[in-house]
Amino acid sequence: MQDIAKMINRDKSTLTALVDKLEVLGLVARTKDSEDQRIIHLELTPKADSVRPVLLGISRSLLGNLYRGFTENEKKELVRLLMKLYQNQNPESVTVDLLQ
């Protein structure tokens, strides 16, 4: 969990609380590593897979509204500049493609 928290620039306690909620909702499952009991693996459940298309649709709809009136080049340039700002503040974080 520490690795994921670091990648998304969140405290481990914040991530643990989120994973606890997702587990209660049946969206993720925790399993301990067979060789090192300190390591916890997170997996999406079939229930999470079933809601993925809905969440992707909502995300695409929101992004579509935000980008309304932008050309493709303007979208790419905006994302590039915002990601540059973000990376300057969070050099160890994961980069996400916001145009998808």
PDB file of N, CA and C in Angstrom:
ATOM      1  N   MET A   1       0.829  -1.195   0.000  1.00  0.00           N
ATOM      2  CA  MET A   1       0.000   0.000   0.000  1.00  0.00           C
ATOM      3  C   MET A   1       0.868   1.251   0.000  1.00  0.00           C
ATOM      4  N   GLN A   2       2.004   1.155   0.671  1.00  0.00           N
ATOM      5  CA  GLN A   2       2.912   2.298   0.700  1.00  0.00           C
ATOM      6  C   GLN A   2       3.340   2.687  -0.712  1.00  0.00           C
ATOM      7  N   ASP A   3       3.604   1.705  -1.558  1.00  0.00           N
ATOM      8  CA  ASP A   3       4.031   1.987  -2.934  1.00  0.00           C
ATOM      9  C   ASP A   3       2.943   2.715  -3.718  1.00  0.00           C
ATOM     10  N   ILE A   4       1.707   2.254  -3.573  1.00  0.00           N
ATOM     11  CA  ILE A   4       0.595   2.895  -4.284  1.00  0.00           C
ATOM     12  C   ILE A   4       0.393   4.316  -3.763  1.00  0.00           C
ATOM     13  N   ALA A   5       0.430   4.480  -2.441  1.00  0.00           N
ATOM     14  CA  ALA A   5       0.256   5.807  -1.844  1.00  0.00           C
ATOM     15  C   ALA A   5       1.299   6.778  -2.381  1.00  0.00           C
ATOM     16  N   LYS A   6       2.516   6.317  -2.491  1.00  0.00           N
ATOM     17  CA  LYS A   6       3.596   7.167  -3.000  1.00  0.00           C
ATOM     18  C   LYS A   6       3.364   7.530  -4.464  1.00  0.00           C
ATOM     19  N   MET A   7       2.921   6.557  -5.262  1.00  0.00           N
ATOM     20  CA  MET A   7       2.705   6.809  -6.687  1.00  0.00           C
ATOM     21  C   MET A   7       1.597   7.819  -6.939  1.00  0.00           C
ATOM     22  N   ILE A   8       0.572   7.817  -6.094  1.00  0.00           N
ATOM     23  CA  ILE A   8      -0.549   8.739  -6.301  1.00  0.00           C
ATOM     24  C   ILE A   8      -0.476   9.957  -5.381  1.00  0.00           C
ATOM     25  N   ASN A   9       0.660  10.082  -4.689  1.00  0.00           N
ATOM     26  CA  ASN A   9       0.920  11.256  -3.865  1.00  0.00           C
ATOM     27  C   ASN A   9      -0.113  11.431  -2.746  1.00  0.00           C
ATOM     28  N   ARG A  10      -0.380  10.342  -2.038  1.00  0.00           N
ATOM     29  CA  ARG A  10      -1.306  10.368  -0.906  1.00  0.00           C
ATOM     30  C   ARG A  10      -0.641   9.708   0.295  1.00  0.00           C
ATOM     31  N   ASP A  11      -1.108  10.050   1.479  1.00  0.00           N
ATOM     32  CA  ASP A  11      -0.622   9.383   2.682  1.00  0.00           C
ATOM     33  C   ASP A  11      -1.102   7.941   2.690  1.00  0.00           C
ATOM     34  N   LYS A  12      -0.304   7.076   3.308  1.00  0.00           N
ATOM     35  CA  LYS A  12      -0.688   5.664   3.396  1.00  0.00           C
ATOM     36  C   LYS A  12      -2.010   5.517   4.150  1.00  0.00           C
ATOM     37  N   SER A  13      -2.208   6.321   5.195  1.00  0.00           N
ATOM     38  CA  SER A  13      -3.446   6.223   5.974  1.00  0.00           C
ATOM     39  C   SER A  13      -4.667   6.601   5.135  1.00  0.00           C
ATOM     40  N   THR A  14      -4.513   7.588   4.263  1.00  0.00           N
ATOM     41  CA  THR A  14      -5.606   7.992   3.373  1.00  0.00           C
ATOM     42  C   THR A  14      -5.942   6.870   2.406  1.00  0.00           C
ATOM     43  N   LEU A  15      -4.905   6.266   1.834  1.00  0.00           N
ATOM     44  CA  LEU A  15      -5.118   5.165   0.897  1.00  0.00           C
ATOM     45  C   LEU A  15      -5.738   3.967   1.598  1.00  0.00           C
ATOM     46  N   THR A  16      -5.273   3.664   2.800  1.00  0.00           N
ATOM     47  CA  THR A  16      -5.818   2.528   3.545  1.00  0.00           C
ATOM     48  C   THR A  16      -7.306   2.720   3.806  1.00  0.00           C
ATOM     49  N   ALA A  17      -7.706   3.930   4.184  1.00  0.00           N
ATOM     50  CA  ALA A  17      -9.130   4.212   4.421  1.00  0.00           C
ATOM     51  C   ALA A  17      -9.935   4.033   3.139  1.00  0.00           C
ATOM     52  N   LEU A  18      -9.395   4.485   2.026  1.00  0.00           N
ATOM     53  CA  LEU A  18     -10.078   4.326   0.741  1.00  0.00           C
ATOM     54  C   LEU A  18     -10.213   2.852   0.372  1.00  0.00           C
ATOM     55  N   VAL A  19      -9.135   2.098   0.528  1.00  0.00           N
ATOM     56  CA  VAL A  19      -9.172   0.667   0.205  1.00  0.00           C
ATOM     57  C   VAL A  19     -10.141  -0.063   1.131  1.00  0.00           C
ATOM     58  N   ASP A  20     -10.181   0.328   2.405  1.00  0.00           N
ATOM     59  CA  ASP A  20     -11.147  -0.270   3.339  1.00  0.00           C
ATOM     60  C   ASP A  20     -12.572  -0.089   2.823  1.00  0.00           C
ATOM     61  N   LYS A  21     -12.891   1.121   2.365  1.00  0.00           N
ATOM     62  CA  LYS A  21     -14.237   1.393   1.841  1.00  0.00           C
ATOM     63  C   LYS A  21     -14.517   0.587   0.580  1.00  0.00           C
ATOM     64  N   LEU A  22     -13.527   0.533  -0.313  1.00  0.00           N
ATOM     65  CA  LEU A  22     -13.699  -0.241  -1.548  1.00  0.00           C
ATOM     66  C   LEU A  22     -13.874  -1.729  -1.252  1.00  0.00           C
ATOM     67  N   GLU A  23     -13.194  -2.198  -0.223  1.00  0.00           N
ATOM     68  CA  GLU A  23     -13.325  -3.606   0.162  1.00  0.00           C
ATOM     69  C   GLU A  23     -14.722  -3.886   0.723  1.00  0.00           C
ATOM     70  N   VAL A  24     -15.229  -2.988   1.555  1.00  0.00           N
ATOM     71  CA  VAL A  24     -16.583  -3.135   2.106  1.00  0.00           C
ATOM     72  C   VAL A  24     -17.621  -3.140   0.986  1.00  0.00           C
ATOM     73  N   LEU A  25     -17.385  -2.326  -0.045  1.00  0.00           N
ATOM     74  CA  LEU A  25     -18.300  -2.275  -1.190  1.00  0.00           C
ATOM     75  C   LEU A  25     -18.134  -3.468  -2.130  1.00  0.00           C
ATOM     76  N   GLY A  26     -17.133  -4.300  -1.867  1.00  0.00           N
ATOM     77  CA  GLY A  26     -16.908  -5.476  -2.701  1.00  0.00           C
ATOM     78  C   GLY A  26     -16.218  -5.173  -4.016  1.00  0.00           C
ATOM     79  N   LEU A  27     -15.495  -4.056  -4.077  1.00  0.00           N
ATOM     80  CA  LEU A  27     -14.845  -3.656  -5.325  1.00  0.00           C
ATOM     81  C   LEU A  27     -13.377  -4.073  -5.411  1.00  0.00           C
ATOM     82  N   VAL A  28     -12.740  -4.278  -4.258  1.00  0.00           N
ATOM     83  CA  VAL A  28     -11.358  -4.769  -4.235  1.00  0.00           C
ATOM     84  C   VAL A  28     -11.228  -5.891  -3.220  1.00  0.00           C
ATOM     85  N   ALA A  29     -10.214  -6.715  -3.433  1.00  0.00           N
ATOM     86  CA  ALA A  29      -9.900  -7.792  -2.490  1.00  0.00           C
ATOM     87  C   ALA A  29      -8.424  -7.697  -2.138  1.00  0.00           C
ATOM     88  N   ARG A  30      -8.137  -7.887  -0.860  1.00  0.00           N
ATOM     89  CA  ARG A  30      -6.751  -7.897  -0.396  1.00  0.00           C
ATOM     90  C   ARG A  30      -6.305  -9.343  -0.232  1.00  0.00           C
ATOM     91  N   THR A  31      -5.097  -9.625  -0.662  1.00  0.00           N
ATOM     92  CA  THR A  31      -4.499 -10.943  -0.404  1.00  0.00           C
ATOM     93  C   THR A  31      -3.058 -10.724   0.031  1.00  0.00           C
ATOM     94  N   LYS A  32      -2.625 -11.544   0.988  1.00  0.00           N
ATOM     95  CA  LYS A  32      -1.240 -11.452   1.450  1.00  0.00           C
ATOM     96  C   LYS A  32      -0.342 -12.246   0.525  1.00  0.00           C
ATOM     97  N   ASP A  33       0.856 -11.756   0.356  1.00  0.00           N
ATOM     98  CA  ASP A  33       1.855 -12.423  -0.471  1.00  0.00           C
ATOM     99  C   ASP A  33       2.224 -13.756   0.175  1.00  0.00           C
ATOM    100  N   SER A  34       2.348 -14.791  -0.636  1.00  0.00           N
ATOM    101  CA  SER A  34       2.646 -16.122  -0.102  1.00  0.00           C
ATOM    102  C   SER A  34       4.064 -16.216   0.461  1.00  0.00           C
ATOM    103  N   GLU A  35       4.957 -15.371  -0.014  1.00  0.00           N
ATOM    104  CA  GLU A  35       6.345 -15.434   0.448  1.00  0.00           C
ATOM    105  C   GLU A  35       6.675 -14.397   1.514  1.00  0.00           C
ATOM    106  N   ASP A  36       5.977 -13.282   1.505  1.00  0.00           N
ATOM    107  CA  ASP A  36       6.242 -12.216   2.467  1.00  0.00           C
ATOM    108  C   ASP A  36       4.903 -11.687   2.970  1.00  0.00           C
ATOM    109  N   GLN A  37       4.532 -12.075   4.176  1.00  0.00           N
ATOM    110  CA  GLN A  37       3.225 -11.730   4.741  1.00  0.00           C
ATOM    111  C   GLN A  37       3.040 -10.229   4.956  1.00  0.00           C
ATOM    112  N   ARG A  38       4.115  -9.466   4.896  1.00  0.00           N
ATOM    113  CA  ARG A  38       3.996  -8.010   5.047  1.00  0.00           C
ATOM    114  C   ARG A  38       3.456  -7.359   3.783  1.00  0.00           C
ATOM    115  N   ILE A  39       3.572  -8.067   2.663  1.00  0.00           N
ATOM    116  CA  ILE A  39       3.139  -7.527   1.376  1.00  0.00           C
ATOM    117  C   ILE A  39       1.676  -7.867   1.136  1.00  0.00           C
ATOM    118  N   ILE A  40       0.897  -6.853   0.796  1.00  0.00           N
ATOM    119  CA  ILE A  40      -0.528  -7.042   0.511  1.00  0.00           C
ATOM    120  C   ILE A  40      -0.772  -6.720  -0.957  1.00  0.00           C
ATOM    121  N   HIS A  41      -1.434  -7.631  -1.641  1.00  0.00           N
ATOM    122  CA  HIS A  41      -1.796  -7.423  -3.042  1.00  0.00           C
ATOM    123  C   HIS A  41      -3.250  -6.977  -3.100  1.00  0.00           C
ATOM    124  N   LEU A  42      -3.543  -6.016  -3.963  1.00  0.00           N
ATOM    125  CA  LEU A  42      -4.913  -5.558  -4.181  1.00  0.00           C
ATOM    126  C   LEU A  42      -5.354  -6.003  -5.559  1.00  0.00           C
ATOM    127  N   GLU A  43      -6.567  -6.524  -5.626  1.00  0.00           N
ATOM    128  CA  GLU A  43      -7.126  -6.954  -6.911  1.00  0.00           C
ATOM    129  C   GLU A  43      -8.536  -6.410  -7.052  1.00  0.00           C
ATOM    130  N   LEU A  44      -8.876  -6.017  -8.268  1.00  0.00           N
ATOM    131  CA  LEU A  44     -10.257  -5.638  -8.544  1.00  0.00           C
ATOM    132  C   LEU A  44     -11.112  -6.897  -8.563  1.00  0.00           C
ATOM    133  N   THR A  45     -12.295  -6.792  -8.029  1.00  0.00           N
ATOM    134  CA  THR A  45     -13.222  -7.923  -8.022  1.00  0.00           C
ATOM    135  C   THR A  45     -14.061  -7.903  -9.304  1.00  0.00           C
ATOM    136  N   PRO A  46     -14.770  -8.993  -9.573  1.00  0.00           N
ATOM    137  CA  PRO A  46     -15.686  -8.984 -10.723  1.00  0.00           C
ATOM    138  C   PRO A  46     -16.721  -7.855 -10.631  1.00  0.00           C
ATOM    139  N   LYS A  47     -17.138  -7.524  -9.410  1.00  0.00           N
ATOM    140  CA  LYS A  47     -18.089  -6.417  -9.238  1.00  0.00           C
ATOM    141  C   LYS A  47     -17.473  -5.106  -9.737  1.00  0.00           C
ATOM    142  N   ALA A  48     -16.194  -4.882  -9.442  1.00  0.00           N
ATOM    143  CA  ALA A  48     -15.510  -3.671  -9.916  1.00  0.00           C
ATOM    144  C   ALA A  48     -15.416  -3.670 -11.431  1.00  0.00           C
ATOM    145  N   ASP A  49     -15.126  -4.827 -12.000  1.00  0.00           N
ATOM    146  CA  ASP A  49     -15.058  -4.922 -13.463  1.00  0.00           C
ATOM    147  C   ASP A  49     -16.397  -4.576 -14.103  1.00  0.00           C
ATOM    148  N   SER A  50     -17.487  -4.922 -13.418  1.00  0.00           N
ATOM    149  CA  SER A  50     -18.810  -4.671 -13.993  1.00  0.00           C
ATOM    150  C   SER A  50     -19.186  -3.187 -13.971  1.00  0.00           C
ATOM    151  N   VAL A  51     -18.640  -2.407 -13.029  1.00  0.00           N
ATOM    152  CA  VAL A  51     -18.966  -0.974 -12.974  1.00  0.00           C
ATOM    153  C   VAL A  51     -17.956  -0.118 -13.742  1.00  0.00           C
ATOM    154  N   ARG A  52     -16.878  -0.723 -14.181  1.00  0.00           N
ATOM    155  CA  ARG A  52     -15.842   0.025 -14.905  1.00  0.00           C
ATOM    156  C   ARG A  52     -16.397   0.783 -16.116  1.00  0.00           C
ATOM    157  N   PRO A  53     -17.209   0.153 -16.986  1.00  0.00           N
ATOM    158  CA  PRO A  53     -17.731   0.892 -18.150  1.00  0.00           C
ATOM    159  C   PRO A  53     -18.561   2.119 -17.757  1.00  0.00           C
ATOM    160  N   VAL A  54     -19.314   2.008 -16.682  1.00  0.00           N
ATOM    161  CA  VAL A  54     -20.124   3.140 -16.220  1.00  0.00           C
ATOM    162  C   VAL A  54     -19.219   4.288 -15.771  1.00  0.00           C
ATOM    163  N   LEU A  55     -18.193   3.957 -14.983  1.00  0.00           N
ATOM    164  CA  LEU A  55     -17.281   4.987 -14.493  1.00  0.00           C
ATOM    165  C   LEU A  55     -16.491   5.632 -15.628  1.00  0.00           C
ATOM    166  N   LEU A  56     -16.074   4.831 -16.586  1.00  0.00           N
ATOM    167  CA  LEU A  56     -15.368   5.388 -17.743  1.00  0.00           C
ATOM    168  C   LEU A  56     -16.274   6.318 -18.549  1.00  0.00           C
ATOM    169  N   GLY A  57     -17.538   5.947 -18.671  1.00  0.00           N
ATOM    170  CA  GLY A  57     -18.498   6.795 -19.378  1.00  0.00           C
ATOM    171  C   GLY A  57     -18.691   8.133 -18.686  1.00  0.00           C
ATOM    172  N   ILE A  58     -18.803   8.100 -17.370  1.00  0.00           N
ATOM    173  CA  ILE A  58     -18.950   9.339 -16.594  1.00  0.00           C
ATOM    174  C   ILE A  58     -17.711  10.210 -16.762  1.00  0.00           C
ATOM    175  N   SER A  59     -16.548   9.591 -16.660  1.00  0.00           N
ATOM    176  CA  SER A  59     -15.290  10.322 -16.810  1.00  0.00           C
ATOM    177  C   SER A  59     -15.184  10.967 -18.188  1.00  0.00           C
ATOM    178  N   ARG A  60     -15.508  10.212 -19.217  1.00  0.00           N
ATOM    179  CA  ARG A  60     -15.435  10.747 -20.586  1.00  0.00           C
ATOM    180  C   ARG A  60     -16.433  11.892 -20.789  1.00  0.00           C
ATOM    181  N   SER A  61     -17.605  11.763 -20.196  1.00  0.00           N
ATOM    182  CA  SER A  61     -18.611  12.813 -20.310  1.00  0.00           C
ATOM    183  C   SER A  61     -18.131  14.104 -19.637  1.00  0.00           C
ATOM    184  N   LEU A  62     -17.566  13.969 -18.445  1.00  0.00           N
ATOM    185  CA  LEU A  62     -17.048  15.144 -17.739  1.00  0.00           C
ATOM    186  C   LEU A  62     -15.922  15.809 -18.524  1.00  0.00           C
ATOM    187  N   LEU A  63     -14.999  14.990 -19.028  1.00  0.00           N
ATOM    188  CA  LEU A  63     -13.896  15.547 -19.815  1.00  0.00           C
ATOM    189  C   LEU A  63     -14.407  16.196 -21.098  1.00  0.00           C
ATOM    190  N   GLY A  64     -15.413  15.594 -21.712  1.00  0.00           N
ATOM    191  CA  GLY A  64     -15.998  16.174 -22.919  1.00  0.00           C
ATOM    192  C   GLY A  64     -16.547  17.562 -22.662  1.00  0.00           C
ATOM    193  N   ASN A  65     -17.202  17.728 -21.514  1.00  0.00           N
ATOM    194  CA  ASN A  65     -17.731  19.045 -21.151  1.00  0.00           C
ATOM    195  C   ASN A  65     -16.610  20.047 -20.881  1.00  0.00           C
ATOM    196  N   LEU A  66     -15.565  19.597 -20.207  1.00  0.00           N
ATOM    197  CA  LEU A  66     -14.443  20.488 -19.910  1.00  0.00           C
ATOM    198  C   LEU A  66     -13.730  20.954 -21.168  1.00  0.00           C
ATOM    199  N   TYR A  67     -13.594  20.059 -22.123  1.00  0.00           N
ATOM    200  CA  TYR A  67     -12.842  20.354 -23.347  1.00  0.00           C
ATOM    201  C   TYR A  67     -13.705  20.939 -24.468  1.00  0.00           C
ATOM    202  N   ARG A  68     -14.976  21.194 -24.205  1.00  0.00           N
ATOM    203  CA  ARG A  68     -15.857  21.724 -25.244  1.00  0.00           C
ATOM    204  C   ARG A  68     -15.272  23.019 -25.813  1.00  0.00           C
ATOM    205  N   GLY A  69     -15.195  23.100 -27.135  1.00  0.00           N
ATOM    206  CA  GLY A  69     -14.669  24.285 -27.788  1.00  0.00           C
ATOM    207  C   GLY A  69     -13.163  24.279 -28.003  1.00  0.00           C
ATOM    208  N   PHE A  70     -12.475  23.266 -27.469  1.00  0.00           N
ATOM    209  CA  PHE A  70     -11.032  23.157 -27.658  1.00  0.00           C
ATOM    210  C   PHE A  70     -10.740  22.331 -28.908  1.00  0.00           C
ATOM    211  N   THR A  71      -9.723  22.722 -29.654  1.00  0.00           N
ATOM    212  CA  THR A  71      -9.263  21.866 -30.752  1.00  0.00           C
ATOM    213  C   THR A  71      -8.434  20.730 -30.150  1.00  0.00           C
ATOM    214  N   GLU A  72      -8.166  19.699 -30.944  1.00  0.00           N
ATOM    215  CA  GLU A  72      -7.335  18.591 -30.460  1.00  0.00           C
ATOM    216  C   GLU A  72      -5.962  19.096 -30.026  1.00  0.00           C
ATOM    217  N   ASN A  73      -5.389  19.989 -30.814  1.00  0.00           N
ATOM    218  CA  ASN A  73      -4.070  20.538 -30.466  1.00  0.00           C
ATOM    219  C   ASN A  73      -4.115  21.339 -29.166  1.00  0.00           C
ATOM    220  N   GLU A  74      -5.183  22.098 -28.964  1.00  0.00           N
ATOM    221  CA  GLU A  74      -5.325  22.863 -27.718  1.00  0.00           C
ATOM    222  C   GLU A  74      -5.461  21.935 -26.521  1.00  0.00           C
ATOM    223  N   LYS A  75      -6.223  20.860 -26.664  1.00  0.00           N
ATOM    224  CA  LYS A  75      -6.360  19.875 -25.580  1.00  0.00           C
ATOM    225  C   LYS A  75      -5.006  19.282 -25.218  1.00  0.00           C
ATOM    226  N   LYS A  76      -4.283  18.853 -26.239  1.00  0.00           N
ATOM    227  CA  LYS A  76      -2.977  18.231 -26.001  1.00  0.00           C
ATOM    228  C   LYS A  76      -2.012  19.208 -25.333  1.00  0.00           C
ATOM    229  N   GLU A  77      -2.019  20.440 -25.787  1.00  0.00           N
ATOM    230  CA  GLU A  77      -1.122  21.446 -25.213  1.00  0.00           C
ATOM    231  C   GLU A  77      -1.504  21.756 -23.770  1.00  0.00           C
ATOM    232  N   LEU A  78      -2.790  21.880 -23.492  1.00  0.00           N
ATOM    233  CA  LEU A  78      -3.253  22.125 -22.131  1.00  0.00           C
ATOM    234  C   LEU A  78      -2.828  20.994 -21.207  1.00  0.00           C
ATOM    235  N   VAL A  79      -3.083  19.771 -21.613  1.00  0.00           N
ATOM    236  CA  VAL A  79      -2.714  18.619 -20.787  1.00  0.00           C
ATOM    237  C   VAL A  79      -1.205  18.567 -20.592  1.00  0.00           C
ATOM    238  N   ARG A  80      -0.460  18.812 -21.648  1.00  0.00           N
ATOM    239  CA  ARG A  80       1.003  18.781 -21.552  1.00  0.00           C
ATOM    240  C   ARG A  80       1.500  19.800 -20.522  1.00  0.00           C
ATOM    241  N   LEU A  81       0.964  21.007 -20.582  1.00  0.00           N
ATOM    242  CA  LEU A  81       1.396  22.052 -19.653  1.00  0.00           C
ATOM    243  C   LEU A  81       0.953  21.767 -18.219  1.00  0.00           C
ATOM    244  N   LEU A  82      -0.270  21.293 -18.043  1.00  0.00           N
ATOM    245  CA  LEU A  82      -0.743  20.952 -16.699  1.00  0.00           C
ATOM    246  C   LEU A  82       0.064  19.807 -16.099  1.00  0.00           C
ATOM    247  N   MET A  83       0.383  18.810 -16.922  1.00  0.00           N
ATOM    248  CA  MET A  83       1.185  17.689 -16.431  1.00  0.00           C
ATOM    249  C   MET A  83       2.595  18.152 -16.069  1.00  0.00           C
ATOM    250  N   LYS A  84       3.117  19.092 -16.804  1.00  0.00           N
ATOM    251  CA  LYS A  84       4.438  19.634 -16.499  1.00  0.00           C
ATOM    252  C   LYS A  84       4.414  20.337 -15.137  1.00  0.00           C
ATOM    253  N   LEU A  85       3.385  21.139 -14.904  1.00  0.00           N
ATOM    254  CA  LEU A  85       3.232  21.783 -13.597  1.00  0.00           C
ATOM    255  C   LEU A  85       3.102  20.744 -12.489  1.00  0.00           C
ATOM    256  N   TYR A  86       2.264  19.742 -12.721  1.00  0.00           N
ATOM    257  CA  TYR A  86       2.042  18.700 -11.718  1.00  0.00           C
ATOM    258  C   TYR A  86       3.331  17.941 -11.430  1.00  0.00           C
ATOM    259  N   GLN A  87       4.054  17.552 -12.474  1.00  0.00           N
ATOM    260  CA  GLN A  87       5.297  16.807 -12.285  1.00  0.00           C
ATOM    261  C   GLN A  87       6.340  17.642 -11.541  1.00  0.00           C
ATOM    262  N   ASN A  88       6.341  18.939 -11.750  1.00  0.00           N
ATOM    263  CA  ASN A  88       7.265  19.798 -11.007  1.00  0.00           C
ATOM    264  C   ASN A  88       6.978  19.747  -9.510  1.00  0.00           C
ATOM    265  N   GLN A  89       5.724  19.635  -9.146  1.00  0.00           N
ATOM    266  CA  GLN A  89       5.331  19.566  -7.741  1.00  0.00           C
ATOM    267  C   GLN A  89       5.379  18.152  -7.179  1.00  0.00           C
ATOM    268  N   ASN A  90       5.230  17.152  -8.031  1.00  0.00           N
ATOM    269  CA  ASN A  90       5.117  15.755  -7.594  1.00  0.00           C
ATOM    270  C   ASN A  90       5.981  14.856  -8.473  1.00  0.00           C
ATOM    271  N   PRO A  91       7.304  14.958  -8.371  1.00  0.00           N
ATOM    272  CA  PRO A  91       8.173  14.230  -9.300  1.00  0.00           C
ATOM    273  C   PRO A  91       8.060  12.711  -9.233  1.00  0.00           C
ATOM    274  N   GLU A  92       7.560  12.150  -8.130  1.00  0.00           N
ATOM    275  CA  GLU A  92       7.478  10.696  -8.009  1.00  0.00           C
ATOM    276  C   GLU A  92       6.091  10.143  -8.326  1.00  0.00           C
ATOM    277  N   SER A  93       5.181  10.991  -8.751  1.00  0.00           N
ATOM    278  CA  SER A  93       3.810  10.535  -8.981  1.00  0.00           C
ATOM    279  C   SER A  93       3.657   9.883 -10.346  1.00  0.00           C
ATOM    280  N   VAL A  94       2.535   9.198 -10.505  1.00  0.00           N
ATOM    281  CA  VAL A  94       2.216   8.514 -11.752  1.00  0.00           C
ATOM    282  C   VAL A  94       1.633   9.514 -12.739  1.00  0.00           C
ATOM    283  N   THR A  95       2.007   9.394 -13.996  1.00  0.00           N
ATOM    284  CA  THR A  95       1.454  10.242 -15.046  1.00  0.00           C
ATOM    285  C   THR A  95       0.231   9.560 -15.643  1.00  0.00           C
ATOM    286  N   VAL A  96      -0.840  10.319 -15.832  1.00  0.00           N
ATOM    287  CA  VAL A  96      -2.088   9.785 -16.361  1.00  0.00           C
ATOM    288  C   VAL A  96      -2.419  10.506 -17.658  1.00  0.00           C
ATOM    289  N   ASP A  97      -2.937   9.775 -18.639  1.00  0.00           N
ATOM    290  CA  ASP A  97      -3.353  10.391 -19.898  1.00  0.00           C
ATOM    291  C   ASP A  97      -4.758  10.960 -19.722  1.00  0.00           C
ATOM    292  N   LEU A  98      -4.862  12.275 -19.622  1.00  0.00           N
ATOM    293  CA  LEU A  98      -6.147  12.926 -19.373  1.00  0.00           C
ATOM    294  C   LEU A  98      -6.997  13.092 -20.622  1.00  0.00           C
ATOM    295  N   LEU A  99      -6.474  12.722 -21.763  1.00  0.00           N
ATOM    296  CA  LEU A  99      -7.238  12.867 -23.000  1.00  0.00           C
ATOM    297  C   LEU A  99      -8.046  11.621 -23.335  1.00  0.00           C
ATOM    298  N   GLN A 100      -7.888  10.558 -22.589  1.00  0.00           N
ATOM    299  CA  GLN A 100      -8.623   9.322 -22.900  1.00  0.00           C
ATOM    300  C   GLN A 100     -10.031   9.388 -22.381  1.00  0.00           C
TER     301      GLN A 100
END
